[in-house]
């Protein structure tokens, strides 16, 4: 009789809920075997649900694949709302039909998994481009225009020319066909990939700024107006990376 460990190893290779192995093992009355069966069935069900979710997020990409296009860049930004730091945009071209388990809108991915999924995107992507617009530029042209500039820079940094752009709720004045998608980071896998790349890149940048400008808790709030950040502003005043066109920084500068 096979040991429970051997049975667990056998089940690990099963990927179909209709596999005859489940029926064969059902006669084994050992509680450890029955628990292992149920655990593996739950894992398969979760994998099937995740594959279905990813398939849905490839809807826009598949429509473009059907027209013969393959170099599709997803574009997203992070950092419109913070009081400090740049706005960061990413453009990501994934291989045709690429699925990365767990990839989603970066806001829906648990913080502890950001680095892992970012690494998978960077390893599998055909091309990645990043765009940065500083707080000075944001103050000069406004955050909306700065976001567009960051996105255009990200596209320009791609080492492959995209055939089509999928953009999160934005249109760019570029001579490349494009689709603006509302809540694109939750509805397009390419945009979701750009979302996590932009998020991790900016978070790391703000953690570096925290060392340069301590006292605002930038490593944890990424420049957003949290209690700790506002307390730092009150105590230390405005630092070089604060956006002077954003309140309450604007009022502090004007005093």
Protein backbone atom coordinates (compact mmCIF):
# COMPACT_ATOMS: atom_id res chain seq x y z
CA UNK A 1 0.00 0.00 0.00
CA UNK A 2 1.30 3.42 -0.95
CA UNK A 3 2.23 5.78 1.85
CA UNK A 4 0.29 9.01 2.29
CA UNK A 5 3.36 10.95 1.17
CA UNK A 6 3.55 8.90 -2.02
CA UNK A 7 -0.15 9.54 -2.64
CA UNK A 8 0.34 13.28 -2.11
CA UNK A 9 3.20 13.22 -4.63
CA UNK A 10 0.93 11.38 -7.07
CA UNK A 11 -1.89 13.88 -6.58
CA UNK A 12 0.47 16.80 -7.15
CA UNK A 13 0.72 15.75 -10.79
CA UNK A 14 -3.06 15.58 -11.30
CA UNK A 15 -4.53 18.64 -13.06
CA UNK A 16 -7.97 17.36 -14.08
CA UNK A 17 -10.89 17.05 -11.67
CA UNK A 18 -12.18 14.16 -13.80
CA UNK A 19 -8.94 12.19 -13.40
CA UNK A 20 -9.60 8.49 -12.63
CA UNK A 21 -6.98 8.72 -9.89
CA UNK A 22 -9.51 10.46 -7.63
CA UNK A 23 -11.95 7.59 -8.11
CA UNK A 24 -9.27 5.00 -7.43
CA UNK A 25 -8.16 6.72 -4.22
CA UNK A 26 -11.72 7.27 -3.00
CA UNK A 27 -11.72 3.66 -1.74
CA UNK A 28 -8.75 4.38 0.55
CA UNK A 29 -10.36 5.01 3.92
CA UNK A 30 -7.33 6.61 5.56
CA UNK A 31 -8.23 10.12 6.73
CA UNK A 32 -4.89 11.46 5.51
CA UNK A 33 -5.61 10.21 2.00
CA UNK A 34 -9.13 11.68 1.95
CA UNK A 35 -7.80 15.01 3.21
CA UNK A 36 -5.14 15.00 0.50
CA UNK A 37 -7.76 14.29 -2.17
CA UNK A 38 -9.96 17.18 -1.05
CA UNK A 39 -6.98 19.53 -0.81
CA UNK A 40 -5.82 18.70 -4.33
CA UNK A 41 -9.35 19.08 -5.72
CA UNK A 42 -9.62 22.53 -4.13
CA UNK A 43 -6.26 23.50 -5.63
CA UNK A 44 -7.35 22.37 -9.10
CA UNK A 45 -10.63 24.28 -8.78
CA UNK A 46 -8.68 27.40 -7.74
CA UNK A 47 -6.32 27.00 -10.71
CA UNK A 48 -9.26 26.63 -13.11
CA UNK A 49 -10.92 29.74 -11.67
CA UNK A 50 -7.66 31.69 -11.97
CA UNK A 51 -7.18 30.56 -15.57
CA UNK A 52 -10.74 31.68 -16.37
CA UNK A 53 -10.06 35.08 -14.79
CA UNK A 54 -6.85 35.50 -16.76
CA UNK A 55 -8.61 34.42 -19.95
CA UNK A 56 -11.23 37.14 -19.39
CA UNK A 57 -8.45 39.69 -18.90
CA UNK A 58 -7.04 38.73 -22.30
CA UNK A 59 -10.26 39.70 -24.12
CA UNK A 60 -8.89 42.94 -25.59
CA UNK A 61 -5.58 41.31 -26.49
CA UNK A 62 -7.27 38.38 -28.23
CA UNK A 63 -9.39 40.72 -30.34
CA UNK A 64 -6.16 42.36 -31.52
CA UNK A 65 -4.41 39.01 -32.05
CA UNK A 66 -7.28 38.07 -34.36
CA UNK A 67 -6.41 41.03 -36.61
CA UNK A 68 -2.79 39.91 -36.88
CA UNK A 69 -1.31 42.21 -34.23
CA UNK A 70 1.00 40.75 -31.60
CA UNK A 71 3.16 43.59 -30.22
CA UNK A 72 0.54 45.05 -27.89
CA UNK A 73 1.70 47.41 -25.17
CA UNK A 74 -0.29 47.86 -22.00
CA UNK A 75 0.22 51.27 -20.38
CA UNK A 76 -0.57 52.44 -16.85
CA UNK A 77 0.63 54.98 -14.32
CA UNK A 78 1.08 55.24 -10.58
CA UNK A 79 1.34 58.37 -8.48
CA UNK A 80 -1.29 60.85 -9.54
CA UNK A 81 -2.55 61.52 -6.02
CA UNK A 82 0.56 61.76 -3.76
CA UNK A 83 1.82 65.01 -2.28
CA UNK A 84 5.41 64.12 -3.09
CA UNK A 85 7.49 62.38 -5.72
CA UNK A 86 7.09 61.78 -9.44
CA UNK A 87 4.32 60.21 -11.45
CA UNK A 88 5.60 56.94 -12.94
CA UNK A 89 4.27 55.19 -16.03
CA UNK A 90 5.08 51.79 -17.48
CA UNK A 91 4.55 50.29 -20.91
CA UNK A 92 4.71 46.49 -21.10
CA UNK A 93 4.53 44.17 -24.10
CA UNK A 94 3.76 40.59 -23.08
CA UNK A 95 4.25 37.58 -25.36
CA UNK A 96 1.15 36.46 -27.27
CA UNK A 97 -1.35 34.62 -25.00
CA UNK A 98 0.91 35.12 -21.97
CA UNK A 99 -0.78 34.38 -18.63
CA UNK A 100 0.90 35.19 -15.32
CA UNK A 101 -0.83 33.64 -12.35
CA UNK A 102 -1.91 36.24 -9.82
CA UNK A 103 -1.44 39.19 -12.20
CA UNK A 104 -4.15 41.78 -11.65
CA UNK A 105 -4.66 45.47 -11.04
CA UNK A 106 -1.78 46.26 -8.65
CA UNK A 107 -4.28 47.61 -6.11
CA UNK A 108 -5.86 44.15 -5.94
CA UNK A 109 -2.61 42.25 -5.45
CA UNK A 110 -1.58 41.71 -1.81
CA UNK A 111 1.40 43.93 -0.98
CA UNK A 112 3.52 40.90 -0.02
CA UNK A 113 3.11 39.49 -3.55
CA UNK A 114 4.02 42.67 -5.46
CA UNK A 115 7.71 41.82 -5.77
CA UNK A 116 7.07 38.23 -6.88
CA UNK A 117 4.59 39.15 -9.61
CA UNK A 118 6.72 42.12 -10.70
CA UNK A 119 9.65 39.72 -11.15
CA UNK A 120 7.53 37.34 -13.23
CA UNK A 121 6.39 40.19 -15.48
CA UNK A 122 9.95 41.43 -15.95
CA UNK A 123 11.16 37.91 -16.79
CA UNK A 124 8.37 37.13 -19.26
CA UNK A 125 7.75 40.50 -20.91
CA UNK A 126 8.92 41.03 -24.47
CA UNK A 127 9.67 44.69 -23.68
CA UNK A 128 9.28 47.10 -20.78
CA UNK A 129 9.53 50.90 -20.85
CA UNK A 130 9.36 53.34 -17.93
CA UNK A 131 8.49 57.03 -17.86
CA UNK A 132 9.04 59.50 -15.01
CA UNK A 133 7.80 63.06 -14.57
CA UNK A 134 9.09 64.93 -11.54
CA UNK A 135 7.16 66.97 -9.03
CA UNK A 136 8.54 70.11 -10.73
CA UNK A 137 7.03 69.09 -14.07
CA UNK A 138 3.76 68.17 -12.35
CA UNK A 139 3.64 71.66 -10.83
CA UNK A 140 4.38 73.25 -14.19
CA UNK A 141 1.93 71.42 -16.46
CA UNK A 142 -0.58 69.79 -13.98
CA UNK A 143 -0.83 66.13 -13.04
CA UNK A 144 -3.02 65.13 -16.00
CA UNK A 145 -0.56 66.43 -18.59
CA UNK A 146 2.40 65.09 -16.61
CA UNK A 147 0.77 61.65 -16.63
CA UNK A 148 0.49 61.80 -20.42
CA UNK A 149 4.14 62.82 -20.71
CA UNK A 150 5.19 59.92 -18.48
CA UNK A 151 3.15 57.46 -20.56
CA UNK A 152 4.62 58.77 -23.82
CA UNK A 153 8.11 58.48 -22.36
CA UNK A 154 7.39 54.88 -21.31
CA UNK A 155 6.32 54.01 -24.87
CA UNK A 156 9.43 55.69 -26.28
CA UNK A 157 11.63 53.64 -23.94
CA UNK A 158 10.32 50.31 -25.30
CA UNK A 159 13.00 48.54 -27.32
CA UNK A 160 10.32 47.18 -29.65
CA UNK A 161 7.85 49.34 -31.55
CA UNK A 162 4.33 48.41 -30.40
CA UNK A 163 1.63 47.84 -33.01
CA UNK A 164 -1.17 48.86 -30.66
CA UNK A 165 -1.53 50.49 -27.24
CA UNK A 166 -3.96 49.49 -24.53
CA UNK A 167 -4.12 52.42 -22.12
CA UNK A 168 -5.79 52.80 -18.75
CA UNK A 169 -8.40 55.55 -19.22
CA UNK A 170 -6.19 57.82 -21.30
CA UNK A 171 -5.54 58.78 -24.92
CA UNK A 172 -2.08 59.74 -26.15
CA UNK A 173 -1.21 61.91 -29.13
CA UNK A 174 0.97 59.25 -30.72
CA UNK A 175 0.84 57.84 -34.23
CA UNK A 176 0.12 54.36 -32.90
CA UNK A 177 -3.35 52.80 -32.87
CA UNK A 178 -4.69 52.65 -29.34
CA UNK A 179 -7.61 51.71 -27.13
CA UNK A 180 -8.49 53.58 -23.96
CA UNK A 181 -10.02 51.22 -21.41
CA UNK A 182 -11.87 52.36 -18.30
CA UNK A 183 -10.46 50.46 -15.32
CA UNK A 184 -8.02 48.96 -17.77
CA UNK A 185 -5.73 47.61 -15.05
CA UNK A 186 -8.57 45.28 -13.98
CA UNK A 187 -9.72 44.41 -17.51
CA UNK A 188 -6.54 43.93 -19.54
CA UNK A 189 -3.63 41.68 -18.64
CA UNK A 190 -1.19 43.93 -20.51
CA UNK A 191 -2.34 47.01 -18.58
CA UNK A 192 -2.26 45.02 -15.33
CA UNK A 193 1.36 44.13 -16.08
CA UNK A 194 2.15 47.82 -16.60
CA UNK A 195 0.30 48.63 -13.36
CA UNK A 196 2.44 46.34 -11.20
CA UNK A 197 5.69 47.42 -12.88
CA UNK A 198 4.87 51.09 -12.34
CA UNK A 199 3.75 50.46 -8.76
CA UNK A 200 6.82 48.49 -7.66
CA UNK A 201 9.17 50.90 -9.47
CA UNK A 202 7.64 53.94 -7.78
CA UNK A 203 7.44 52.30 -4.34
CA UNK A 204 11.15 51.49 -4.51
CA UNK A 205 11.95 55.01 -5.64
CA UNK A 206 9.97 56.51 -2.76
CA UNK A 207 11.75 54.18 -0.31
CA UNK A 208 15.04 55.63 -1.60
CA UNK A 209 13.68 59.16 -1.17
CA UNK A 210 12.77 58.26 2.41
CA UNK A 211 16.48 57.85 3.13
CA UNK A 212 17.26 61.16 1.48
CA UNK A 213 14.39 63.03 3.12
CA UNK A 214 13.63 61.24 6.40
CA UNK A 215 10.75 62.22 8.65
CA UNK A 216 7.86 61.97 6.18
CA UNK A 217 7.55 58.15 6.26
CA UNK A 218 7.81 58.04 2.46
CA UNK A 219 8.90 54.39 2.49
CA UNK A 220 5.49 53.43 3.82
CA UNK A 221 3.11 56.06 2.39
CA UNK A 222 4.79 56.49 -1.04
CA UNK A 223 4.16 60.21 -0.79
CA UNK A 224 0.41 60.01 -0.19
CA UNK A 225 -1.13 62.31 2.41
CA UNK A 226 -1.23 59.89 5.32
CA UNK A 227 -1.25 60.96 8.95
CA UNK A 228 2.47 60.28 9.31
CA UNK A 229 3.24 62.27 6.16
CA UNK A 230 1.14 65.25 7.24
CA UNK A 231 2.78 65.19 10.67
CA UNK A 232 6.18 65.23 8.96
CA UNK A 233 5.13 68.19 6.84
CA UNK A 234 3.95 70.08 9.90
CA UNK A 235 7.17 69.39 11.77
CA UNK A 236 9.77 69.63 8.98
CA UNK A 237 8.09 71.74 6.34
CA UNK A 238 8.27 71.17 2.59
CA UNK A 239 11.14 69.19 1.03
CA UNK A 240 12.44 69.34 -2.58
CA UNK A 241 10.25 66.49 -3.87
CA UNK A 242 6.94 67.87 -2.59
CA UNK A 243 4.38 68.97 -5.18
CA UNK A 244 3.84 72.65 -4.55
CA UNK A 245 0.61 72.75 -6.55
CA UNK A 246 -1.02 70.17 -4.26
CA UNK A 247 -2.74 71.04 -1.00
CA UNK A 248 -1.80 71.31 1.82
CA UNK A 249 1.73 71.84 0.43
CA UNK A 250 0.53 74.76 -1.71
CA UNK A 251 -0.79 76.68 1.28
CA UNK A 252 2.39 75.97 3.28
CA UNK A 253 4.55 77.37 0.48
CA UNK A 254 2.40 80.46 0.11
CA UNK A 255 2.62 81.36 3.82
